[in-house]
Amino acid sequence: PQCGTKLASITCSAQPRRAVVTLSTGTRSHFAVTKLPMQAYASRVGAEMHVVDSLSHPSLSAWNATAQKGSSSHFIKLPMLQWFLQRYQQVLFVDDDVLISPFAPDLFSKVPCQELGAVVEAYHAPGWHSMHMRSVC
């Protein structure tokens, strides 16, 4: 769909094309731990796994054009998601530091193609990432 397309006008096929997408650029040592469960999840739910690991990735070409004009990188995921939504009927974006459980439900089946699903992150105390990693180790 193009930007501005009414979600209600989008039709889903019986077997929609699905993508699990993560952005992981630079040195991200934790991604060595989270990547395999992410790939297993994508395979289990019938989705293609995509790792955007370079600023030269085609999904970031729109962002790269605005970055040259001094735009902030805070919104880098928006043009990336738009690029994937033009190619897939359902896209699940997962931060590269998320460890997906083997028991995680099929989130694609929970959110129809014409709808948007999101998780609102609550406030976390400083250092919560490091506390979280200690529980993994």
Protein backbone atom coordinates (compact mmCIF):
# COMPACT_ATOMS: atom_id res chain seq x y z
CA PRO A 1 0.00 0.00 0.00
CA GLN A 2 1.03 3.56 -0.63
CA CYS A 3 1.29 6.15 2.10
CA GLY A 4 -2.21 7.43 2.85
CA THR A 5 -3.99 4.22 1.79
CA LYS A 6 -7.04 3.59 3.94
CA LEU A 7 -6.39 0.42 5.93
CA ALA A 8 -9.98 -0.75 5.38
CA SER A 9 -9.31 -0.85 1.62
CA ILE A 10 -6.44 -3.33 2.01
CA THR A 11 -7.38 -6.92 1.29
CA CYS A 12 -5.59 -9.87 2.80
CA SER A 13 -5.03 -13.06 0.89
CA ALA A 14 -5.61 -16.41 2.59
CA GLN A 15 -1.83 -16.74 2.92
CA PRO A 16 -0.54 -13.15 3.30
CA ARG A 17 3.12 -12.39 2.70
CA ARG A 18 4.67 -11.83 6.10
CA ALA A 19 8.00 -10.32 7.17
CA VAL A 20 9.76 -10.14 10.52
CA VAL A 21 12.10 -7.15 10.38
CA THR A 22 14.80 -5.91 12.70
CA LEU A 23 17.26 -3.03 12.46
CA SER A 24 20.73 -3.88 13.73
CA THR A 25 23.53 -1.63 12.53
CA GLY A 26 27.00 -1.27 13.99
CA THR A 27 28.45 -3.46 16.71
CA ARG A 28 25.52 -5.06 18.48
CA SER A 29 26.93 -8.06 20.38
CA HIS A 30 23.57 -8.95 21.94
CA PHE A 31 22.18 -9.63 18.47
CA ALA A 32 24.24 -12.83 18.35
CA VAL A 33 21.94 -14.06 21.16
CA THR A 34 18.61 -12.69 19.90
CA LYS A 35 18.99 -13.39 16.16
CA LEU A 36 18.52 -17.18 16.24
CA PRO A 37 15.26 -17.14 18.25
CA MET A 38 14.02 -14.34 15.96
CA GLN A 39 14.78 -16.45 12.87
CA ALA A 40 13.12 -19.50 14.46
CA TYR A 41 10.01 -17.42 15.22
CA ALA A 42 9.83 -16.09 11.65
CA SER A 43 10.11 -19.62 10.28
CA ARG A 44 7.47 -20.94 12.69
CA VAL A 45 4.89 -18.28 11.74
CA GLY A 46 5.56 -18.49 7.99
CA ALA A 47 7.36 -15.14 7.66
CA GLU A 48 10.54 -14.09 5.91
CA MET A 49 13.23 -12.74 8.25
CA HIS A 50 14.94 -9.49 7.28
CA VAL A 51 17.87 -7.92 9.10
CA VAL A 52 18.55 -4.34 8.08
CA ASP A 53 22.22 -4.25 9.01
CA SER A 54 23.50 -1.34 6.97
CA LEU A 55 22.46 2.23 6.33
CA SER A 56 22.85 1.42 2.62
CA HIS A 57 20.04 -1.18 2.79
CA PRO A 58 17.40 -0.41 0.11
CA SER A 59 14.72 0.05 2.79
CA LEU A 60 16.61 3.06 4.11
CA SER A 61 17.06 4.89 0.80
CA ALA A 62 14.23 7.34 1.61
CA TRP A 63 15.76 8.04 5.01
CA ASN A 64 19.23 8.43 3.50
CA ALA A 65 17.87 11.08 1.16
CA THR A 66 16.47 13.11 4.08
CA ALA A 67 19.54 12.45 6.26
CA GLN A 68 21.64 14.34 3.77
CA LYS A 69 19.42 17.34 4.50
CA GLY A 70 20.18 17.12 8.23
CA SER A 71 17.18 15.04 9.33
CA SER A 72 17.25 13.25 12.69
CA SER A 73 17.89 9.50 12.84
CA HIS A 74 15.20 9.12 15.52
CA PHE A 75 12.65 8.25 12.86
CA ILE A 76 14.79 5.92 10.76
CA LYS A 77 12.33 3.04 11.27
CA LEU A 78 9.39 4.84 9.64
CA PRO A 79 10.64 4.87 6.02
CA MET A 80 12.08 1.39 6.59
CA LEU A 81 8.67 0.05 7.63
CA GLN A 82 6.98 1.83 4.74
CA TRP A 83 9.41 0.10 2.34
CA PHE A 84 8.58 -3.34 3.78
CA LEU A 85 4.84 -2.63 3.84
CA GLN A 86 4.99 -1.98 0.10
CA ARG A 87 6.31 -5.53 -0.34
CA TYR A 88 4.53 -7.55 2.35
CA GLN A 89 0.93 -7.67 3.58
CA GLN A 90 2.00 -8.04 7.21
CA VAL A 91 5.18 -6.74 8.84
CA LEU A 92 6.35 -7.32 12.39
CA PHE A 93 9.15 -5.03 13.53
CA VAL A 94 11.16 -6.35 16.46
CA ASP A 95 13.99 -4.43 18.13
CA ASP A 96 17.26 -6.31 17.83
CA ASP A 97 17.55 -6.65 21.62
CA VAL A 98 14.29 -8.61 21.97
CA LEU A 99 14.66 -12.27 22.88
CA ILE A 100 11.61 -14.05 21.43
CA SER A 101 10.36 -17.02 23.43
CA PRO A 102 9.84 -20.32 21.61
CA PHE A 103 6.34 -20.15 23.13
CA ALA A 104 5.50 -16.73 21.66
CA PRO A 105 2.14 -16.75 19.84
CA ASP A 106 1.75 -16.04 16.14
CA LEU A 107 1.29 -12.27 16.37
CA PHE A 108 0.36 -12.07 12.69
CA SER A 109 -2.76 -14.14 13.36
CA LYS A 110 -3.71 -11.79 16.23
CA VAL A 111 -3.69 -8.62 14.08
CA PRO A 112 -5.57 -8.64 10.74
CA CYS A 113 -3.92 -7.09 7.67
CA GLN A 114 -6.19 -4.05 7.85
CA GLU A 115 -5.15 -3.22 11.41
CA LEU A 116 -2.09 -1.96 13.20
CA GLY A 117 -0.81 -3.71 16.31
CA ALA A 118 1.65 -2.03 18.67
CA VAL A 119 3.16 -2.35 22.11
CA VAL A 120 3.48 0.71 24.29
CA GLU A 121 6.66 0.54 26.33
CA ALA A 122 6.30 1.73 29.89
CA TYR A 123 8.96 3.73 31.67
CA HIS A 124 11.94 1.63 32.71
CA ALA A 125 14.38 2.47 35.47
CA PRO A 126 17.90 3.45 34.35
CA GLY A 127 20.00 0.36 33.69
CA TRP A 128 17.02 -1.93 33.01
CA HIS A 129 18.74 -3.27 29.87
CA SER A 130 21.70 -4.48 31.88
CA MET A 131 19.42 -5.98 34.54
CA HIS A 132 17.52 -7.76 31.79
CA MET A 133 20.71 -9.22 30.30
CA ARG A 134 21.78 -10.52 33.71
CA SER A 135 18.62 -12.60 33.84
CA VAL A 136 19.52 -14.11 30.43
CA CYS A 137 23.08 -15.07 31.33
